[in-house]
Amino acid sequence: MRARLGARAEQLIRGVEREDWRFVALVRLVPLVPFNLLNYALGLTRVRVSRYMLASYLAMLPGTFAYTYLGYAGRAALAGQVGLLHKGLIALALLACAALLPRIIRRLRTPGPGEAP
């Protein structure tokens, strides 16, 4: 299977071997690749199942929470409940936080000037 996937698969495998669960968490936080395809690709690597599951769960949790709350706010809007603006702003803030989370994590991981890597 590795031979059929070519250079992209090798790049993924090297990334996982270097970063282990951090790589899994990053690709889950930034959903550029469909999760089904990513599941198969990560299955070709040597990441432990327990680390894969924990990293996937924790990294997908913020987005799941944000989208679930957005659905709740949408249902409340359609039902004509009070506090629509408040719920809508909370939903947008959650989505913004979920979208910015990879940048925040990258900034926390990157050493500042004069610090050791």
PDB file of N, CA and C in Angstrom:
ATOM      1  N   MET A   1       0.826  -1.186   0.000  1.00  0.00           N
ATOM      2  CA  MET A   1       0.000   0.000   0.000  1.00  0.00           C
ATOM      3  C   MET A   1       0.879   1.261   0.000  1.00  0.00           C
ATOM      4  N   ARG A   2       1.973   1.220   0.751  1.00  0.00           N
ATOM      5  CA  ARG A   2       2.889   2.368   0.800  1.00  0.00           C
ATOM      6  C   ARG A   2       3.406   2.716  -0.589  1.00  0.00           C
ATOM      7  N   ALA A   3       3.736   1.696  -1.364  1.00  0.00           N
ATOM      8  CA  ALA A   3       4.282   1.925  -2.701  1.00  0.00           C
ATOM      9  C   ALA A   3       3.250   2.589  -3.611  1.00  0.00           C
ATOM     10  N   ARG A   4       2.003   2.239  -3.463  1.00  0.00           N
ATOM     11  CA  ARG A   4       0.951   2.819  -4.307  1.00  0.00           C
ATOM     12  C   ARG A   4       0.692   4.271  -3.955  1.00  0.00           C
ATOM     13  N   LEU A   5       0.837   4.634  -2.682  1.00  0.00           N
ATOM     14  CA  LEU A   5       0.558   6.005  -2.264  1.00  0.00           C
ATOM     15  C   LEU A   5       1.698   6.954  -2.587  1.00  0.00           C
ATOM     16  N   GLY A   6       2.906   6.448  -2.673  1.00  0.00           N
ATOM     17  CA  GLY A   6       4.044   7.244  -3.126  1.00  0.00           C
ATOM     18  C   GLY A   6       4.605   8.212  -2.111  1.00  0.00           C
ATOM     19  N   ALA A   7       5.036   9.375  -2.617  1.00  0.00           N
ATOM     20  CA  ALA A   7       5.778  10.353  -1.811  1.00  0.00           C
ATOM     21  C   ALA A   7       4.940  10.939  -0.684  1.00  0.00           C
ATOM     22  N   ARG A   8       3.663  11.155  -0.912  1.00  0.00           N
ATOM     23  CA  ARG A   8       2.805  11.715   0.140  1.00  0.00           C
ATOM     24  C   ARG A   8       2.743  10.801   1.352  1.00  0.00           C
ATOM     25  N   ALA A   9       2.637   9.518   1.111  1.00  0.00           N
ATOM     26  CA  ALA A   9       2.582   8.556   2.211  1.00  0.00           C
ATOM     27  C   ALA A   9       3.897   8.544   2.973  1.00  0.00           C
ATOM     28  N   GLU A  10       5.003   8.591   2.253  1.00  0.00           N
ATOM     29  CA  GLU A  10       6.304   8.600   2.925  1.00  0.00           C
ATOM     30  C   GLU A  10       6.480   9.863   3.762  1.00  0.00           C
ATOM     31  N   GLN A  11       5.997  10.988   3.265  1.00  0.00           N
ATOM     32  CA  GLN A  11       6.070  12.237   4.016  1.00  0.00           C
ATOM     33  C   GLN A  11       5.232  12.127   5.297  1.00  0.00           C
ATOM     34  N   LEU A  12       4.053  11.563   5.192  1.00  0.00           N
ATOM     35  CA  LEU A  12       3.192  11.365   6.357  1.00  0.00           C
ATOM     36  C   LEU A  12       3.851  10.437   7.370  1.00  0.00           C
ATOM     37  N   ILE A  13       4.401   9.339   6.886  1.00  0.00           N
ATOM     38  CA  ILE A  13       5.027   8.363   7.782  1.00  0.00           C
ATOM     39  C   ILE A  13       6.219   8.976   8.507  1.00  0.00           C
ATOM     40  N   ARG A  14       7.061   9.739   7.780  1.00  0.00           N
ATOM     41  CA  ARG A  14       8.207  10.392   8.426  1.00  0.00           C
ATOM     42  C   ARG A  14       7.733  11.405   9.471  1.00  0.00           C
ATOM     43  N   GLY A  15       6.689  12.151   9.154  1.00  0.00           N
ATOM     44  CA  GLY A  15       6.155  13.126  10.105  1.00  0.00           C
ATOM     45  C   GLY A  15       5.641  12.465  11.368  1.00  0.00           C
ATOM     46  N   VAL A  16       4.947  11.369  11.216  1.00  0.00           N
ATOM     47  CA  VAL A  16       4.421  10.659  12.389  1.00  0.00           C
ATOM     48  C   VAL A  16       5.555  10.051  13.196  1.00  0.00           C
ATOM     49  N   GLU A  17       6.547   9.493  12.526  1.00  0.00           N
ATOM     50  CA  GLU A  17       7.668   8.900  13.256  1.00  0.00           C
ATOM     51  C   GLU A  17       8.460   9.956  14.021  1.00  0.00           C
ATOM     52  N   ARG A  18       8.542  11.170  13.473  1.00  0.00           N
ATOM     53  CA  ARG A  18       9.261  12.252  14.149  1.00  0.00           C
ATOM     54  C   ARG A  18       8.459  12.828  15.306  1.00  0.00           C
ATOM     55  N   GLU A  19       7.181  13.073  15.075  1.00  0.00           N
ATOM     56  CA  GLU A  19       6.370  13.796  16.055  1.00  0.00           C
ATOM     57  C   GLU A  19       5.400  12.917  16.845  1.00  0.00           C
ATOM     58  N   ASP A  20       5.139  11.707  16.401  1.00  0.00           N
ATOM     59  CA  ASP A  20       4.263  10.757  17.065  1.00  0.00           C
ATOM     60  C   ASP A  20       2.867  11.342  17.254  1.00  0.00           C
ATOM     61  N   TRP A  21       2.376  11.380  18.477  1.00  0.00           N
ATOM     62  CA  TRP A  21       1.000  11.808  18.741  1.00  0.00           C
ATOM     63  C   TRP A  21       0.780  13.282  18.436  1.00  0.00           C
ATOM     64  N   ARG A  22       1.833  14.099  18.490  1.00  0.00           N
ATOM     65  CA  ARG A  22       1.693  15.536  18.174  1.00  0.00           C
ATOM     66  C   ARG A  22       1.290  15.742  16.716  1.00  0.00           C
ATOM     67  N   PHE A  23       1.817  14.911  15.841  1.00  0.00           N
ATOM     68  CA  PHE A  23       1.460  14.988  14.432  1.00  0.00           C
ATOM     69  C   PHE A  23      -0.010  14.623  14.243  1.00  0.00           C
ATOM     70  N   VAL A  24      -0.439  13.580  14.921  1.00  0.00           N
ATOM     71  CA  VAL A  24      -1.852  13.166  14.845  1.00  0.00           C
ATOM     72  C   VAL A  24      -2.747  14.304  15.329  1.00  0.00           C
ATOM     73  N   ALA A  25      -2.384  14.920  16.447  1.00  0.00           N
ATOM     74  CA  ALA A  25      -3.184  16.017  16.989  1.00  0.00           C
ATOM     75  C   ALA A  25      -3.229  17.193  16.014  1.00  0.00           C
ATOM     76  N   LEU A  26      -2.107  17.509  15.384  1.00  0.00           N
ATOM     77  CA  LEU A  26      -2.063  18.640  14.464  1.00  0.00           C
ATOM     78  C   LEU A  26      -2.951  18.404  13.246  1.00  0.00           C
ATOM     79  N   VAL A  27      -2.888  17.216  12.654  1.00  0.00           N
ATOM     80  CA  VAL A  27      -3.721  16.967  11.476  1.00  0.00           C
ATOM     81  C   VAL A  27      -5.195  16.853  11.843  1.00  0.00           C
ATOM     82  N   ARG A  28      -5.494  16.557  13.081  1.00  0.00           N
ATOM     83  CA  ARG A  28      -6.893  16.558  13.527  1.00  0.00           C
ATOM     84  C   ARG A  28      -7.383  17.974  13.799  1.00  0.00           C
ATOM     85  N   LEU A  29      -6.502  18.833  14.307  1.00  0.00           N
ATOM     86  CA  LEU A  29      -6.879  20.222  14.569  1.00  0.00           C
ATOM     87  C   LEU A  29      -7.089  21.003  13.274  1.00  0.00           C
ATOM     88  N   VAL A  30      -6.300  20.698  12.267  1.00  0.00           N
ATOM     89  CA  VAL A  30      -6.378  21.388  10.987  1.00  0.00           C
ATOM     90  C   VAL A  30      -6.963  20.392   9.979  1.00  0.00           C
ATOM     91  N   PRO A  31      -8.264  20.361   9.854  1.00  0.00           N
ATOM     92  CA  PRO A  31      -8.895  19.311   9.030  1.00  0.00           C
ATOM     93  C   PRO A  31      -8.827  19.602   7.528  1.00  0.00           C
ATOM     94  N   LEU A  32      -7.619  19.650   6.976  1.00  0.00           N
ATOM     95  CA  LEU A  32      -7.451  19.860   5.540  1.00  0.00           C
ATOM     96  C   LEU A  32      -7.661  18.571   4.758  1.00  0.00           C
ATOM     97  N   VAL A  33      -7.348  17.452   5.389  1.00  0.00           N
ATOM     98  CA  VAL A  33      -7.494  16.145   4.761  1.00  0.00           C
ATOM     99  C   VAL A  33      -8.733  15.486   5.365  1.00  0.00           C
ATOM    100  N   PRO A  34      -9.604  14.907   4.545  1.00  0.00           N
ATOM    101  CA  PRO A  34     -10.783  14.219   5.094  1.00  0.00           C
ATOM    102  C   PRO A  34     -10.374  13.150   6.112  1.00  0.00           C
ATOM    103  N   PHE A  35     -11.135  13.066   7.183  1.00  0.00           N
ATOM    104  CA  PHE A  35     -10.773  12.167   8.281  1.00  0.00           C
ATOM    105  C   PHE A  35     -10.703  10.707   7.844  1.00  0.00           C
ATOM    106  N   ASN A  36     -11.573  10.261   6.960  1.00  0.00           N
ATOM    107  CA  ASN A  36     -11.530   8.860   6.530  1.00  0.00           C
ATOM    108  C   ASN A  36     -10.215   8.533   5.841  1.00  0.00           C
ATOM    109  N   LEU A  37      -9.792   9.404   4.938  1.00  0.00           N
ATOM    110  CA  LEU A  37      -8.512   9.200   4.249  1.00  0.00           C
ATOM    111  C   LEU A  37      -7.356   9.256   5.245  1.00  0.00           C
ATOM    112  N   LEU A  38      -7.445  10.187   6.178  1.00  0.00           N
ATOM    113  CA  LEU A  38      -6.398  10.323   7.192  1.00  0.00           C
ATOM    114  C   LEU A  38      -6.321   9.087   8.085  1.00  0.00           C
ATOM    115  N   ASN A  39      -7.465   8.514   8.414  1.00  0.00           N
ATOM    116  CA  ASN A  39      -7.476   7.297   9.230  1.00  0.00           C
ATOM    117  C   ASN A  39      -6.708   6.173   8.541  1.00  0.00           C
ATOM    118  N   TYR A  40      -6.965   5.985   7.257  1.00  0.00           N
ATOM    119  CA  TYR A  40      -6.243   4.944   6.517  1.00  0.00           C
ATOM    120  C   TYR A  40      -4.755   5.244   6.448  1.00  0.00           C
ATOM    121  N   ALA A  41      -4.415   6.484   6.175  1.00  0.00           N
ATOM    122  CA  ALA A  41      -2.999   6.855   6.062  1.00  0.00           C
ATOM    123  C   ALA A  41      -2.277   6.677   7.394  1.00  0.00           C
ATOM    124  N   LEU A  42      -2.909   7.090   8.488  1.00  0.00           N
ATOM    125  CA  LEU A  42      -2.266   6.926   9.791  1.00  0.00           C
ATOM    126  C   LEU A  42      -2.178   5.461  10.196  1.00  0.00           C
ATOM    127  N   GLY A  43      -3.039   4.636   9.614  1.00  0.00           N
ATOM    128  CA  GLY A  43      -2.955   3.197   9.856  1.00  0.00           C
ATOM    129  C   GLY A  43      -1.690   2.576   9.280  1.00  0.00           C
ATOM    130  N   LEU A  44      -1.061   3.240   8.332  1.00  0.00           N
ATOM    131  CA  LEU A  44       0.189   2.748   7.743  1.00  0.00           C
ATOM    132  C   LEU A  44       1.408   3.069   8.599  1.00  0.00           C
ATOM    133  N   THR A  45       1.220   3.912   9.607  1.00  0.00           N
ATOM    134  CA  THR A  45       2.344   4.339  10.434  1.00  0.00           C
ATOM    135  C   THR A  45       2.483   3.449  11.659  1.00  0.00           C
ATOM    136  N   ARG A  46       3.495   3.741  12.444  1.00  0.00           N
ATOM    137  CA  ARG A  46       3.744   2.946  13.646  1.00  0.00           C
ATOM    138  C   ARG A  46       3.294   3.634  14.927  1.00  0.00           C
ATOM    139  N   VAL A  47       2.399   4.610  14.808  1.00  0.00           N
ATOM    140  CA  VAL A  47       1.903   5.273  16.005  1.00  0.00           C
ATOM    141  C   VAL A  47       1.044   4.278  16.787  1.00  0.00           C
ATOM    142  N   ARG A  48       1.200   4.292  18.092  1.00  0.00           N
ATOM    143  CA  ARG A  48       0.436   3.378  18.940  1.00  0.00           C
ATOM    144  C   ARG A  48      -1.044   3.724  18.891  1.00  0.00           C
ATOM    145  N   VAL A  49      -1.874   2.718  18.950  1.00  0.00           N
ATOM    146  CA  VAL A  49      -3.321   2.921  18.872  1.00  0.00           C
ATOM    147  C   VAL A  49      -3.808   3.796  20.022  1.00  0.00           C
ATOM    148  N   SER A  50      -3.269   3.576  21.214  1.00  0.00           N
ATOM    149  CA  SER A  50      -3.710   4.368  22.363  1.00  0.00           C
ATOM    150  C   SER A  50      -3.370   5.852  22.179  1.00  0.00           C
ATOM    151  N   ARG A  51      -2.179   6.139  21.687  1.00  0.00           N
ATOM    152  CA  ARG A  51      -1.787   7.540  21.448  1.00  0.00           C
ATOM    153  C   ARG A  51      -2.593   8.148  20.313  1.00  0.00           C
ATOM    154  N   TYR A  52      -2.839   7.354  19.272  1.00  0.00           N
ATOM    155  CA  TYR A  52      -3.641   7.811  18.147  1.00  0.00           C
ATOM    156  C   TYR A  52      -5.051   8.175  18.610  1.00  0.00           C
ATOM    157  N   MET A  53      -5.652   7.309  19.400  1.00  0.00           N
ATOM    158  CA  MET A  53      -7.024   7.547  19.863  1.00  0.00           C
ATOM    159  C   MET A  53      -7.098   8.746  20.795  1.00  0.00           C
ATOM    160  N   LEU A  54      -6.173   8.854  21.730  1.00  0.00           N
ATOM    161  CA  LEU A  54      -6.192   9.961  22.681  1.00  0.00           C
ATOM    162  C   LEU A  54      -5.929  11.302  21.985  1.00  0.00           C
ATOM    163  N   ALA A  55      -4.943  11.328  21.102  1.00  0.00           N
ATOM    164  CA  ALA A  55      -4.637  12.568  20.378  1.00  0.00           C
ATOM    165  C   ALA A  55      -5.805  12.965  19.479  1.00  0.00           C
ATOM    166  N   SER A  56      -6.408  11.995  18.799  1.00  0.00           N
ATOM    167  CA  SER A  56      -7.560  12.287  17.940  1.00  0.00           C
ATOM    168  C   SER A  56      -8.725  12.824  18.761  1.00  0.00           C
ATOM    169  N   TYR A  57      -9.010  12.180  19.866  1.00  0.00           N
ATOM    170  CA  TYR A  57     -10.125  12.599  20.712  1.00  0.00           C
ATOM    171  C   TYR A  57      -9.924  14.025  21.219  1.00  0.00           C
ATOM    172  N   LEU A  58      -8.766  14.293  21.783  1.00  0.00           N
ATOM    173  CA  LEU A  58      -8.513  15.615  22.360  1.00  0.00           C
ATOM    174  C   LEU A  58      -8.442  16.710  21.301  1.00  0.00           C
ATOM    175  N   ALA A  59      -7.867  16.405  20.141  1.00  0.00           N
ATOM    176  CA  ALA A  59      -7.720  17.426  19.108  1.00  0.00           C
ATOM    177  C   ALA A  59      -9.032  17.703  18.381  1.00  0.00           C
ATOM    178  N   MET A  60      -9.921  16.726  18.293  1.00  0.00           N
ATOM    179  CA  MET A  60     -11.199  16.951  17.621  1.00  0.00           C
ATOM    180  C   MET A  60     -12.257  17.517  18.558  1.00  0.00           C
ATOM    181  N   LEU A  61     -12.008  17.485  19.846  1.00  0.00           N
ATOM    182  CA  LEU A  61     -12.983  17.942  20.830  1.00  0.00           C
ATOM    183  C   LEU A  61     -13.351  19.424  20.697  1.00  0.00           C
ATOM    184  N   PRO A  62     -12.401  20.365  20.536  1.00  0.00           N
ATOM    185  CA  PRO A  62     -12.790  21.775  20.414  1.00  0.00           C
ATOM    186  C   PRO A  62     -13.700  22.051  19.218  1.00  0.00           C
ATOM    187  N   GLY A  63     -13.372  21.501  18.069  1.00  0.00           N
ATOM    188  CA  GLY A  63     -14.206  21.706  16.889  1.00  0.00           C
ATOM    189  C   GLY A  63     -15.578  21.074  17.043  1.00  0.00           C
ATOM    190  N   THR A  64     -15.605  19.890  17.623  1.00  0.00           N
ATOM    191  CA  THR A  64     -16.886  19.217  17.849  1.00  0.00           C
ATOM    192  C   THR A  64     -17.766  20.035  18.772  1.00  0.00           C
ATOM    193  N   PHE A  65     -17.197  20.545  19.850  1.00  0.00           N
ATOM    194  CA  PHE A  65     -17.950  21.365  20.788  1.00  0.00           C
ATOM    195  C   PHE A  65     -18.465  22.634  20.112  1.00  0.00           C
ATOM    196  N   ALA A  66     -17.614  23.288  19.316  1.00  0.00           N
ATOM    197  CA  ALA A  66     -18.006  24.534  18.644  1.00  0.00           C
ATOM    198  C   ALA A  66     -19.139  24.290  17.656  1.00  0.00           C
ATOM    199  N   TYR A  67     -19.022  23.252  16.835  1.00  0.00           N
ATOM    200  CA  TYR A  67     -20.067  22.972  15.851  1.00  0.00           C
ATOM    201  C   TYR A  67     -21.364  22.514  16.514  1.00  0.00           C
ATOM    202  N   THR A  68     -21.263  21.794  17.607  1.00  0.00           N
ATOM    203  CA  THR A  68     -22.460  21.377  18.328  1.00  0.00           C
ATOM    204  C   THR A  68     -23.172  22.579  18.918  1.00  0.00           C
ATOM    205  N   TYR A  69     -22.415  23.499  19.495  1.00  0.00           N
ATOM    206  CA  TYR A  69     -23.034  24.695  20.058  1.00  0.00           C
ATOM    207  C   TYR A  69     -23.642  25.561  18.958  1.00  0.00           C
ATOM    208  N   LEU A  70     -22.990  25.607  17.798  1.00  0.00           N
ATOM    209  CA  LEU A  70     -23.542  26.355  16.673  1.00  0.00           C
ATOM    210  C   LEU A  70     -24.885  25.759  16.250  1.00  0.00           C
ATOM    211  N   GLY A  71     -24.985  24.458  16.225  1.00  0.00           N
ATOM    212  CA  GLY A  71     -26.256  23.799  15.924  1.00  0.00           C
ATOM    213  C   GLY A  71     -27.318  24.118  16.957  1.00  0.00           C
ATOM    214  N   TYR A  72     -26.929  24.138  18.211  1.00  0.00           N
ATOM    215  CA  TYR A  72     -27.857  24.496  19.289  1.00  0.00           C
ATOM    216  C   TYR A  72     -28.347  25.928  19.116  1.00  0.00           C
ATOM    217  N   ALA A  73     -27.437  26.837  18.799  1.00  0.00           N
ATOM    218  CA  ALA A  73     -27.818  28.240  18.616  1.00  0.00           C
ATOM    219  C   ALA A  73     -28.729  28.387  17.398  1.00  0.00           C
ATOM    220  N   GLY A  74     -28.467  27.639  16.335  1.00  0.00           N
ATOM    221  CA  GLY A  74     -29.321  27.675  15.154  1.00  0.00           C
ATOM    222  C   GLY A  74     -30.714  27.150  15.441  1.00  0.00           C
ATOM    223  N   ARG A  75     -30.797  26.076  16.205  1.00  0.00           N
ATOM    224  CA  ARG A  75     -32.105  25.529  16.573  1.00  0.00           C
ATOM    225  C   ARG A  75     -32.871  26.511  17.441  1.00  0.00           C
ATOM    226  N   ALA A  76     -32.164  27.167  18.365  1.00  0.00           N
ATOM    227  CA  ALA A  76     -32.805  28.165  19.219  1.00  0.00           C
ATOM    228  C   ALA A  76     -33.303  29.347  18.392  1.00  0.00           C
ATOM    229  N   ALA A  77     -32.542  29.724  17.369  1.00  0.00           N
ATOM    230  CA  ALA A  77     -32.961  30.831  16.500  1.00  0.00           C
ATOM    231  C   ALA A  77     -34.215  30.468  15.720  1.00  0.00           C
ATOM    232  N   LEU A  78     -34.266  29.252  15.202  1.00  0.00           N
ATOM    233  CA  LEU A  78     -35.438  28.823  14.443  1.00  0.00           C
ATOM    234  C   LEU A  78     -36.678  28.693  15.329  1.00  0.00           C
ATOM    235  N   ALA A  79     -36.457  28.366  16.595  1.00  0.00           N
ATOM    236  CA  ALA A  79     -37.578  28.227  17.522  1.00  0.00           C
ATOM    237  C   ALA A  79     -38.023  29.577  18.082  1.00  0.00           C
ATOM    238  N   GLY A  80     -37.257  30.630  17.794  1.00  0.00           N
ATOM    239  CA  GLY A  80     -37.624  31.964  18.261  1.00  0.00           C
ATOM    240  C   GLY A  80     -37.352  32.192  19.735  1.00  0.00           C
ATOM    241  N   GLN A  81     -36.390  31.489  20.296  1.00  0.00           N
ATOM    242  CA  GLN A  81     -36.059  31.659  21.710  1.00  0.00           C
ATOM    243  C   GLN A  81     -35.359  32.991  21.937  1.00  0.00           C
ATOM    244  N   VAL A  82     -35.422  33.468  23.162  1.00  0.00           N
ATOM    245  CA  VAL A  82     -34.753  34.722  23.515  1.00  0.00           C
ATOM    246  C   VAL A  82     -33.254  34.482  23.674  1.00  0.00           C
ATOM    247  N   GLY A  83     -32.498  35.552  23.598  1.00  0.00           N
ATOM    248  CA  GLY A  83     -31.046  35.448  23.765  1.00  0.00           C
ATOM    249  C   GLY A  83     -30.344  34.989  22.508  1.00  0.00           C
ATOM    250  N   LEU A  84     -30.975  35.218  21.362  1.00  0.00           N
ATOM    251  CA  LEU A  84     -30.405  34.758  20.097  1.00  0.00           C
ATOM    252  C   LEU A  84     -29.048  35.395  19.823  1.00  0.00           C
ATOM    253  N   LEU A  85     -28.934  36.684  20.033  1.00  0.00           N
ATOM    254  CA  LEU A  85     -27.671  37.375  19.782  1.00  0.00           C
ATOM    255  C   LEU A  85     -26.565  36.836  20.689  1.00  0.00           C
ATOM    256  N   HIS A  86     -26.893  36.620  21.936  1.00  0.00           N
ATOM    257  CA  HIS A  86     -25.926  36.099  22.906  1.00  0.00           C
ATOM    258  C   HIS A  86     -25.435  34.708  22.480  1.00  0.00           C
ATOM    259  N   LYS A  87     -26.362  33.832  22.139  1.00  0.00           N
ATOM    260  CA  LYS A  87     -25.990  32.469  21.722  1.00  0.00           C
ATOM    261  C   LYS A  87     -25.201  32.486  20.415  1.00  0.00           C
ATOM    262  N   GLY A  88     -25.588  33.354  19.491  1.00  0.00           N
ATOM    263  CA  GLY A  88     -24.880  33.452  18.224  1.00  0.00           C
ATOM    264  C   GLY A  88     -23.450  33.935  18.395  1.00  0.00           C
ATOM    265  N   LEU A  89     -23.263  34.912  19.277  1.00  0.00           N
ATOM    266  CA  LEU A  89     -21.910  35.420  19.529  1.00  0.00           C
ATOM    267  C   LEU A  89     -21.037  34.368  20.205  1.00  0.00           C
ATOM    268  N   ILE A  90     -21.617  33.628  21.118  1.00  0.00           N
ATOM    269  CA  ILE A  90     -20.859  32.545  21.767  1.00  0.00           C
ATOM    270  C   ILE A  90     -20.458  31.499  20.725  1.00  0.00           C
ATOM    271  N   ALA A  91     -21.390  31.143  19.834  1.00  0.00           N
ATOM    272  CA  ALA A  91     -21.090  30.149  18.798  1.00  0.00           C
ATOM    273  C   ALA A  91     -19.966  30.637  17.889  1.00  0.00           C
ATOM    274  N   LEU A  92     -20.026  31.894  17.478  1.00  0.00           N
ATOM    275  CA  LEU A  92     -18.965  32.436  16.627  1.00  0.00           C
ATOM    276  C   LEU A  92     -17.621  32.497  17.347  1.00  0.00           C
ATOM    277  N   ALA A  93     -17.648  32.846  18.620  1.00  0.00           N
ATOM    278  CA  ALA A  93     -16.406  32.881  19.399  1.00  0.00           C
ATOM    279  C   ALA A  93     -15.801  31.483  19.529  1.00  0.00           C
ATOM    280  N   LEU A  94     -16.639  30.485  19.756  1.00  0.00           N
ATOM    281  CA  LEU A  94     -16.144  29.111  19.849  1.00  0.00           C
ATOM    282  C   LEU A  94     -15.541  28.650  18.528  1.00  0.00           C
ATOM    283  N   LEU A  95     -16.201  28.982  17.423  1.00  0.00           N
ATOM    284  CA  LEU A  95     -15.660  28.608  16.116  1.00  0.00           C
ATOM    285  C   LEU A  95     -14.330  29.309  15.847  1.00  0.00           C
ATOM    286  N   ALA A  96     -14.241  30.577  16.224  1.00  0.00           N
ATOM    287  CA  ALA A  96     -12.985  31.314  16.039  1.00  0.00           C
ATOM    288  C   ALA A  96     -11.871  30.698  16.884  1.00  0.00           C
ATOM    289  N   CYS A  97     -12.176  30.335  18.114  1.00  0.00           N
ATOM    290  CA  CYS A  97     -11.165  29.707  18.981  1.00  0.00           C
ATOM    291  C   CYS A  97     -10.713  28.371  18.408  1.00  0.00           C
ATOM    292  N   ALA A  98     -11.659  27.579  17.916  1.00  0.00           N
ATOM    293  CA  ALA A  98     -11.301  26.287  17.324  1.00  0.00           C
ATOM    294  C   ALA A  98     -10.442  26.482  16.085  1.00  0.00           C
ATOM    295  N   ALA A  99     -10.724  27.515  15.306  1.00  0.00           N
ATOM    296  CA  ALA A  99      -9.940  27.772  14.096  1.00  0.00           C
ATOM    297  C   ALA A  99      -8.548  28.299  14.423  1.00  0.00           C
ATOM    298  N   LEU A 100      -8.419  29.066  15.497  1.00  0.00           N
ATOM    299  CA  LEU A 100      -7.132  29.650  15.862  1.00  0.00           C
ATOM    300  C   LEU A 100      -6.285  28.748  16.752  1.00  0.00           C
ATOM    301  N   LEU A 101      -6.855  27.693  17.257  1.00  0.00           N
ATOM    302  CA  LEU A 101      -6.140  26.803  18.176  1.00  0.00           C
ATOM    303  C   LEU A 101      -4.824  26.267  17.605  1.00  0.00           C
ATOM    304  N   PRO A 102      -4.765  25.837  16.339  1.00  0.00           N
ATOM    305  CA  PRO A 102      -3.470  25.370  15.813  1.00  0.00           C
ATOM    306  C   PRO A 102      -2.390  26.451  15.848  1.00  0.00           C
ATOM    307  N   ARG A 103      -2.750  27.695  15.527  1.00  0.00           N
ATOM    308  CA  ARG A 103      -1.767  28.782  15.586  1.00  0.00           C
ATOM    309  C   ARG A 103      -1.298  29.040  17.004  1.00  0.00           C
ATOM    310  N   ILE A 104      -2.213  29.000  17.940  1.00  0.00           N
ATOM    311  CA  ILE A 104      -1.861  29.221  19.348  1.00  0.00           C
ATOM    312  C   ILE A 104      -0.905  28.134  19.815  1.00  0.00           C
ATOM    313  N   ILE A 105      -1.215  26.897  19.468  1.00  0.00           N
ATOM    314  CA  ILE A 105      -0.352  25.778  19.880  1.00  0.00           C
ATOM    315  C   ILE A 105       1.015  25.900  19.219  1.00  0.00           C
ATOM    316  N   ARG A 106       1.046  26.257  17.936  1.00  0.00           N
ATOM    317  CA  ARG A 106       2.328  26.411  17.238  1.00  0.00           C
ATOM    318  C   ARG A 106       3.153  27.513  17.880  1.00  0.00           C
ATOM    319  N   ARG A 107       2.510  28.600  18.253  1.00  0.00           N
ATOM    320  CA  ARG A 107       3.224  29.715  18.892  1.00  0.00           C
ATOM    321  C   ARG A 107       3.770  29.298  20.259  1.00  0.00           C
ATOM    322  N   LEU A 108       3.026  28.484  20.989  1.00  0.00           N
ATOM    323  CA  LEU A 108       3.494  28.024  22.297  1.00  0.00           C
ATOM    324  C   LEU A 108       4.672  27.056  22.146  1.00  0.00           C
ATOM    325  N   ARG A 109       4.691  26.305  21.066  1.00  0.00           N
ATOM    326  CA  ARG A 109       5.781  25.341  20.835  1.00  0.00           C
ATOM    327  C   ARG A 109       7.029  26.001  20.309  1.00  0.00           C
ATOM    328  N   THR A 110       6.908  27.111  19.591  1.00  0.00           N
ATOM    329  CA  THR A 110       8.054  27.774  18.984  1.00  0.00           C
ATOM    330  C   THR A 110       8.813  28.572  20.044  1.00  0.00           C
ATOM    331  N   PRO A 111      10.112  28.295  20.211  1.00  0.00           N
ATOM    332  CA  PRO A 111      10.872  29.053  21.208  1.00  0.00           C
ATOM    333  C   PRO A 111      11.053  30.515  20.766  1.00  0.00           C
ATOM    334  N   GLY A 112      11.046  31.393  21.715  1.00  0.00           N
ATOM    335  CA  GLY A 112      11.227  32.807  21.455  1.00  0.00           C
ATOM    336  C   GLY A 112      12.691  33.135  21.203  1.00  0.00           C
ATOM    337  N   PRO A 113      13.015  34.413  20.909  1.00  0.00           N
ATOM    338  CA  PRO A 113      14.398  34.791  20.678  1.00  0.00           C
ATOM    339  C   PRO A 113      15.249  34.590  21.933  1.00  0.00           C
ATOM    340  N   GLY A 114      16.382  33.978  21.759  1.00  0.00           N
ATOM    341  CA  GLY A 114      17.294  33.750  22.883  1.00  0.00           C
ATOM    342  C   GLY A 114      16.989  32.494  23.693  1.00  0.00           C
ATOM    343  N   GLU A 115      15.898  31.763  23.317  1.00  0.00           N
ATOM    344  CA  GLU A 115      15.556  30.528  24.043  1.00  0.00           C
ATOM    345  C   GLU A 115      16.068  29.328  23.283  1.00  0.00           C
ATOM    346  N   ALA A 116      16.338  28.265  23.997  1.00  0.00           N
ATOM    347  CA  ALA A 116      16.795  27.041  23.377  1.00  0.00           C
ATOM    348  C   ALA A 116      15.622  26.312  22.741  1.00  0.00           C
ATOM    349  N   PRO A 117      15.796  25.713  21.568  1.00  0.00           N
ATOM    350  CA  PRO A 117      14.687  24.995  20.909  1.00  0.00           C
ATOM    351  C   PRO A 117      14.298  23.744  21.636  1.00  0.00           C
TER     352      PRO A 117
END
